[in-house]
C-alpha atoms as a PDB file:
ATOM      1  CA  ALA A   1      -0.029   0.109  -0.109  1.00  0.00           C
ATOM      2  CA  THR A   2       2.823   2.531   0.540  1.00  0.00           C
ATOM      3  CA  LYS A   3       4.686   2.006  -2.348  1.00  0.00           C
ATOM      4  CA  GLN A   4       1.584   2.625  -4.441  1.00  0.00           C
ATOM      5  CA  ALA A   5       0.490   5.599  -2.628  1.00  0.00           C
ATOM      6  CA  LEU A   6       4.152   6.857  -3.068  1.00  0.00           C
ATOM      7  CA  GLU A   7       4.148   5.772  -7.157  1.00  0.00           C
ATOM      8  CA  LEU A   8       0.824   7.905  -7.229  1.00  0.00           C
ATOM      9  CA  LEU A   9       2.287  10.840  -5.135  1.00  0.00           C
ATOM     10  CA  GLN A  10       5.565  10.852  -7.406  1.00  0.00           C
ATOM     11  CA  ASP A  11       3.608  10.250 -11.058  1.00  0.00           C
ATOM     12  CA  ASN A  12       1.098  12.872 -10.477  1.00  0.00           C
ATOM     13  CA  TYR A  13       1.572  15.504  -7.898  1.00  0.00           C
ATOM     14  CA  PRO A  14       5.063  16.644  -8.472  1.00  0.00           C
ATOM     15  CA  GLU A  15       4.059  17.352 -12.092  1.00  0.00           C
ATOM     16  CA  PHE A  16       2.823  20.316 -10.882  1.00  0.00           C
ATOM     17  CA  VAL A  17       5.268  22.003  -9.159  1.00  0.00           C
ATOM     18  CA  ALA A  18       8.778  23.170  -9.965  1.00  0.00           C
ATOM     19  CA  LYS A  19      10.066  23.116  -6.354  1.00  0.00           C
ATOM     20  CA  GLN A  20       8.203  21.998  -3.183  1.00  0.00           C
ATOM     21  CA  VAL A  21      10.081  24.258  -0.147  1.00  0.00           C
ATOM     22  CA  PHE A  22       9.510  22.966   3.760  1.00  0.00           C
ATOM     23  CA  ILE A  23      10.155  24.758   6.110  1.00  0.00           C
ATOM     24  CA  ASN A  24      10.766  24.734   9.614  1.00  0.00           C
ATOM     25  CA  VAL A  25      10.956  20.932   9.502  1.00  0.00           C
ATOM     26  CA  PRO A  26      11.501  18.798  13.002  1.00  0.00           C
ATOM     27  CA  TRP A  27      14.519  16.404  13.050  1.00  0.00           C
ATOM     28  CA  TRP A  28      11.874  13.536  13.289  1.00  0.00           C
ATOM     29  CA  TYR A  29      10.266  14.206   9.751  1.00  0.00           C
ATOM     30  CA  LEU A  30      14.004  15.114   7.731  1.00  0.00           C
ATOM     31  CA  ALA A  31      14.369  10.788   9.022  1.00  0.00           C
ATOM     32  CA  PHE A  32      11.232   9.717   8.364  1.00  0.00           C
ATOM     33  CA  TYR A  33      12.190  11.308   4.522  1.00  0.00           C
ATOM     34  CA  THR A  34      15.227   9.670   4.836  1.00  0.00           C
ATOM     35  CA  MET A  35      13.515   6.259   5.165  1.00  0.00           C
ATOM     36  CA  ILE A  36      11.178   7.085   2.326  1.00  0.00           C
ATOM     37  CA  SER A  37      13.276   8.876  -0.451  1.00  0.00           C
ATOM     38  CA  PRO A  38      14.506   5.460  -1.472  1.00  0.00           C
ATOM     39  CA  PHE A  39      11.686   4.909  -2.650  1.00  0.00           C
ATOM     40  CA  MET A  40      11.255   7.743  -4.614  1.00  0.00           C
ATOM     41  CA  THR A  41      12.483   8.794  -8.466  1.00  0.00           C
ATOM     42  CA  GLN A  42      15.259  11.057  -8.617  1.00  0.00           C
ATOM     43  CA  ARG A  43      13.125  13.555 -10.616  1.00  0.00           C
ATOM     44  CA  THR A  44      10.864  13.620  -7.428  1.00  0.00           C
ATOM     45  CA  LYS A  45      12.818  14.024  -5.054  1.00  0.00           C
ATOM     46  CA  SER A  46      15.083  16.768  -6.872  1.00  0.00           C
ATOM     47  CA  LYS A  47      11.336  18.941  -6.369  1.00  0.00           C
ATOM     48  CA  PHE A  48      11.209  18.414  -2.580  1.00  0.00           C
ATOM     49  CA  VAL A  49      13.831  20.510  -0.422  1.00  0.00           C
ATOM     50  CA  PHE A  50      13.308  20.442   3.322  1.00  0.00           C
ATOM     51  CA  ALA A  51      14.689  23.000   6.427  1.00  0.00           C
ATOM     52  CA  GLY A  52      15.208  23.316   9.600  1.00  0.00           C
ATOM     53  CA  PRO A  53      14.449  26.032  11.528  1.00  0.00           C
ATOM     54  CA  ALA A  54      18.025  27.289  11.981  1.00  0.00           C
ATOM     55  CA  LYS A  55      18.312  27.349   8.118  1.00  0.00           C
ATOM     56  CA  SER A  56      14.414  28.166   6.795  1.00  0.00           C
ATOM     57  CA  ALA A  57      15.111  31.170   6.467  1.00  0.00           C
ATOM     58  CA  GLU A  58      18.334  30.855   3.910  1.00  0.00           C
ATOM     59  CA  THR A  59      17.086  28.245   2.093  1.00  0.00           C
ATOM     60  CA  LEU A  60      14.028  30.363   1.208  1.00  0.00           C
ATOM     61  CA  PHE A  61      16.436  33.346  -0.261  1.00  0.00           C
ATOM     62  CA  LYS A  62      17.989  30.805  -2.421  1.00  0.00           C
ATOM     63  CA  TYR A  63      13.787  31.105  -4.363  1.00  0.00           C
ATOM     64  CA  ILE A  64      12.661  33.778  -3.158  1.00  0.00           C
ATOM     65  CA  PRO A  65      14.125  37.495  -3.268  1.00  0.00           C
ATOM     66  CA  PRO A  66      14.582  38.465   0.418  1.00  0.00           C
ATOM     67  CA  GLU A  67      12.122  42.136  -0.163  1.00  0.00           C
ATOM     68  CA  GLN A  68       9.252  38.788  -0.887  1.00  0.00           C
ATOM     69  CA  VAL A  69       9.863  36.284   2.068  1.00  0.00           C
ATOM     70  CA  PRO A  70       7.431  37.460   4.994  1.00  0.00           C
ATOM     71  CA  ILE A  71       9.201  39.125   8.275  1.00  0.00           C
ATOM     72  CA  GLN A  72       7.914  36.237  10.375  1.00  0.00           C
ATOM     73  CA  TYR A  73       9.975  33.509   8.027  1.00  0.00           C
ATOM     74  CA  GLY A  74      13.073  35.837   8.018  1.00  0.00           C
ATOM     75  CA  GLY A  75      12.376  38.271   5.324  1.00  0.00           C
ATOM     76  CA  LEU A  76      11.675  42.190   4.872  1.00  0.00           C
ATOM     77  CA  SER A  77       8.026  41.552   3.575  1.00  0.00           C
ATOM     78  CA  VAL A  78       5.446  43.480   5.793  1.00  0.00           C
ATOM     79  CA  ASP A  79       2.049  44.266   4.723  1.00  0.00           C
ATOM     80  CA  TYR A  80       2.687  47.499   3.377  1.00  0.00           C
ATOM     81  CA  CYS A  81       0.577  50.131   6.104  1.00  0.00           C
ATOM     82  CA  ASP A  82       1.634  47.998   9.101  1.00  0.00           C
ATOM     83  CA  CYS A  83       5.513  49.047   9.790  1.00  0.00           C
ATOM     84  CA  ASN A  84       6.881  51.004   7.562  1.00  0.00           C
ATOM     85  CA  PRO A  85       5.081  52.881   4.414  1.00  0.00           C
ATOM     86  CA  ASP A  86       7.923  53.696   2.873  1.00  0.00           C
ATOM     87  CA  PHE A  87       8.951  50.235   1.296  1.00  0.00           C
ATOM     88  CA  SER A  88       7.244  47.852  -0.572  1.00  0.00           C
ATOM     89  CA  ASP A  89       7.971  43.955  -1.834  1.00  0.00           C
ATOM     90  CA  ALA A  90       9.195  45.965  -4.782  1.00  0.00           C
ATOM     91  CA  ASP A  91      11.501  47.688  -3.588  1.00  0.00           C
ATOM     92  CA  PRO A  92      15.195  45.757  -3.742  1.00  0.00           C
ATOM     93  CA  ALA A  93      17.058  44.331  -0.401  1.00  0.00           C
ATOM     94  CA  THR A  94      21.268  44.406  -0.286  1.00  0.00           C
ATOM     95  CA  GLU A  95      21.868  40.563   0.978  1.00  0.00           C
ATOM     96  CA  MET A  96      25.183  40.155   2.471  1.00  0.00           C
ATOM     97  CA  THR A  97      26.782  37.975   5.080  1.00  0.00           C
ATOM     98  CA  VAL A  98      28.588  38.603   8.528  1.00  0.00           C
ATOM     99  CA  LYS A  99      31.302  36.506   9.541  1.00  0.00           C
ATOM    100  CA  PRO A 100      31.711  34.866  12.571  1.00  0.00           C
ATOM    101  CA  GLY A 101      33.914  37.839  14.900  1.00  0.00           C
ATOM    102  CA  THR A 102      33.757  40.223  12.649  1.00  0.00           C
ATOM    103  CA  LYS A 103      32.155  44.391  12.207  1.00  0.00           C
ATOM    104  CA  GLN A 104      30.317  44.692   8.789  1.00  0.00           C
ATOM    105  CA  THR A 105      30.300  48.058   7.888  1.00  0.00           C
ATOM    106  CA  VAL A 106      27.101  49.221   5.107  1.00  0.00           C
ATOM    107  CA  GLU A 107      28.571  52.909   3.851  1.00  0.00           C
ATOM    108  CA  ILE A 108      25.577  55.057   2.029  1.00  0.00           C
ATOM    109  CA  THR A 109      26.629  58.026   0.657  1.00  0.00           C
ATOM    110  CA  ILE A 110      24.842  61.137   0.663  1.00  0.00           C
ATOM    111  CA  TYR A 111      25.137  63.996  -2.347  1.00  0.00           C
ATOM    112  CA  GLU A 112      22.269  66.235  -1.681  1.00  0.00           C
ATOM    113  CA  LYS A 113      20.378  67.602   1.097  1.00  0.00           C
ATOM    114  CA  CYS A 114      18.019  64.631   1.495  1.00  0.00           C
ATOM    115  CA  VAL A 115      15.733  62.404   4.330  1.00  0.00           C
ATOM    116  CA  LEU A 116      17.086  58.755   4.205  1.00  0.00           C
ATOM    117  CA  VAL A 117      14.933  56.350   4.804  1.00  0.00           C
ATOM    118  CA  TRP A 118      16.228  52.628   5.777  1.00  0.00           C
ATOM    119  CA  GLU A 119      15.720  49.220   7.088  1.00  0.00           C
ATOM    120  CA  ILE A 120      17.723  46.998   7.667  1.00  0.00           C
ATOM    121  CA  ARG A 121      17.805  43.213   9.311  1.00  0.00           C
ATOM    122  CA  VAL A 122      20.122  40.661  10.598  1.00  0.00           C
ATOM    123  CA  VAL A 123      18.519  37.085  10.172  1.00  0.00           C
ATOM    124  CA  GLY A 124      18.370  35.947  13.903  1.00  0.00           C
ATOM    125  CA  TRP A 125      19.701  39.181  15.422  1.00  0.00           C
ATOM    126  CA  GLU A 126      21.994  38.811  18.344  1.00  0.00           C
ATOM    127  CA  VAL A 127      24.154  40.956  16.908  1.00  0.00           C
ATOM    128  CA  SER A 128      25.119  44.536  17.917  1.00  0.00           C
ATOM    129  CA  TYR A 129      23.313  47.260  15.479  1.00  0.00           C
ATOM    130  CA  GLY A 130      24.543  51.002  15.231  1.00  0.00           C
ATOM    131  CA  ALA A 131      24.079  53.761  12.571  1.00  0.00           C
ATOM    132  CA  GLU A 132      25.999  56.912  12.440  1.00  0.00           C
ATOM    133  CA  PHE A 133      26.159  60.031   9.738  1.00  0.00           C
ATOM    134  CA  LYS A 134      30.097  61.310   8.654  1.00  0.00           C
ATOM    135  CA  PRO A 135      29.992  64.701   7.376  1.00  0.00           C
ATOM    136  CA  ASN A 136      32.362  65.678   4.386  1.00  0.00           C
ATOM    137  CA  THR A 137      33.386  68.847   5.965  1.00  0.00           C
ATOM    138  CA  LYS A 138      36.794  68.768   7.882  1.00  0.00           C
ATOM    139  CA  ASP A 139      35.545  70.384  10.273  1.00  0.00           C
ATOM    140  CA  SER A 140      31.850  68.649  11.154  1.00  0.00           C
ATOM    141  CA  TYR A 141      31.378  65.805  13.775  1.00  0.00           C
ATOM    142  CA  THR A 142      29.999  62.498  13.554  1.00  0.00           C
ATOM    143  CA  VAL A 143      26.480  62.341  14.222  1.00  0.00           C
ATOM    144  CA  ILE A 144      25.038  58.923  15.920  1.00  0.00           C
ATOM    145  CA  ILE A 145      21.773  57.712  14.624  1.00  0.00           C
ATOM    146  CA  GLN A 146      21.550  54.856  16.668  1.00  0.00           C
ATOM    147  CA  LYS A 147      23.687  54.369  19.812  1.00  0.00           C
ATOM    148  CA  PRO A 148      25.273  50.858  19.604  1.00  0.00           C
ATOM    149  CA  ARG A 149      23.510  48.159  21.002  1.00  0.00           C
ATOM    150  CA  LYS A 150      22.830  44.278  20.938  1.00  0.00           C
ATOM    151  CA  MET A 151      19.806  43.075  19.356  1.00  0.00           C
ATOM    152  CA  SER A 152      18.816  39.948  20.173  1.00  0.00           C
ATOM    153  CA  GLY A 153      16.458  37.589  18.365  1.00  0.00           C
ATOM    154  CA  LYS A 154      13.187  38.975  20.895  1.00  0.00           C
ATOM    155  CA  ASP A 155      13.819  42.261  19.142  1.00  0.00           C
ATOM    156  CA  GLU A 156      11.837  43.839  16.430  1.00  0.00           C
ATOM    157  CA  PRO A 157      12.287  41.219  13.302  1.00  0.00           C
ATOM    158  CA  VAL A 158      13.102  44.848  10.907  1.00  0.00           C
ATOM    159  CA  VAL A 159      14.639  48.026  11.877  1.00  0.00           C
ATOM    160  CA  SER A 160      13.354  51.283  10.714  1.00  0.00           C
ATOM    161  CA  GLN A 161      15.083  54.271  10.975  1.00  0.00           C
ATOM    162  CA  SER A 162      14.983  57.449   8.496  1.00  0.00           C
ATOM    163  CA  PHE A 163      18.041  60.709   8.846  1.00  0.00           C
ATOM    164  CA  LYS A 164      17.194  64.342   7.942  1.00  0.00           C
ATOM    165  CA  VAL A 165      21.074  64.744   6.079  1.00  0.00           C
ATOM    166  CA  GLY A 166      21.439  68.119   5.716  1.00  0.00           C
ATOM    167  CA  GLU A 167      24.736  68.118   4.424  1.00  0.00           C
ATOM    168  CA  LEU A 168      26.525  66.154   2.150  1.00  0.00           C
ATOM    169  CA  GLY A 169      28.852  62.996   3.656  1.00  0.00           C
ATOM    170  CA  LYS A 170      27.873  58.959   4.611  1.00  0.00           C
ATOM    171  CA  VAL A 171      25.638  56.816   7.135  1.00  0.00           C
ATOM    172  CA  LEU A 172      27.377  54.247   8.311  1.00  0.00           C
ATOM    173  CA  LEU A 173      25.236  51.381   9.537  1.00  0.00           C
ATOM    174  CA  THR A 174      27.371  48.964  11.438  1.00  0.00           C
ATOM    175  CA  VAL A 175      27.243  45.281  12.646  1.00  0.00           C
ATOM    176  CA  ASP A 176      29.426  43.139  15.496  1.00  0.00           C
ATOM    177  CA  ASN A 177      29.123  39.953  15.288  1.00  0.00           C
ATOM    178  CA  PRO A 178      30.895  38.126  18.027  1.00  0.00           C
ATOM    179  CA  ALA A 179      29.222  34.977  17.113  1.00  0.00           C
ATOM    180  CA  SER A 180      31.085  32.000  16.241  1.00  0.00           C
ATOM    181  CA  LYS A 181      28.369  31.513  13.571  1.00  0.00           C
ATOM    182  CA  LYS A 182      28.019  33.798  10.371  1.00  0.00           C
ATOM    183  CA  LYS A 183      24.853  35.980   9.876  1.00  0.00           C
ATOM    184  CA  LYS A 184      22.836  37.100   7.389  1.00  0.00           C
ATOM    185  CA  LEU A 185      22.439  40.748   6.757  1.00  0.00           C
ATOM    186  CA  LEU A 186      19.462  42.382   4.555  1.00  0.00           C
ATOM    187  CA  TYR A 187      19.313  45.816   4.048  1.00  0.00           C
ATOM    188  CA  ARG A 188      17.951  48.339   1.945  1.00  0.00           C
ATOM    189  CA  PHE A 189      17.120  52.219   1.657  1.00  0.00           C
ATOM    190  CA  LYS A 190      15.272  55.527  -0.346  1.00  0.00           C
ATOM    191  CA  VAL A 191      16.630  59.148  -0.698  1.00  0.00           C
ATOM    192  CA  LYS A 192      13.236  60.779  -0.245  1.00  0.00           C
ATOM    193  CA  PRO A 193      13.220  64.907  -1.162  1.00  0.00           C
ATOM    194  CA  PHE A 194      14.723  67.133   1.726  1.00  0.00           C
ATOM    195  CA  CYS A 195      11.906  69.574   2.735  1.00  0.00           C
ATOM    196  CA  ASP A 196      12.914  72.837   5.047  1.00  0.00           C
END
């Protein structure tokens, strides 16, 4: 009966999908899949992707852009009105890797007076995050936008901030990863007109 059910499943159902991604899969399900996979054809097995809770976001990013993955699964997608009305799913995100025990700085150069709006996320957090503005003028002072603070997995999944820029310079977003595992950093920004 099991063999007939598997034949029926692999002959009909997988033909409708290119890839089926299962996320937050418990260990016992992976063990069960390992036991039944020898009875499936290679073509059918190639259509299934499994990821445990620790690898869910990373696995989804292989198939879906981060800006379209909902925040509860590690991405940046929120309902347009709920979190940050400045960004939508159509606004592209940049993805970076923060190596273990290193700092990663995102540098955004400002060429005109404007309001800079950005959102940043580190999948799983457990890093320190800070933001500052460094003007180009020689005698100007660095402005701290966000004092470096430790962000845990329980904090807000996406940090949304803005800064009114009155002179040329650059905004530096710094992520310090003291952990022994690499982290996935996602960010995007927009330059809006400066209104006095």
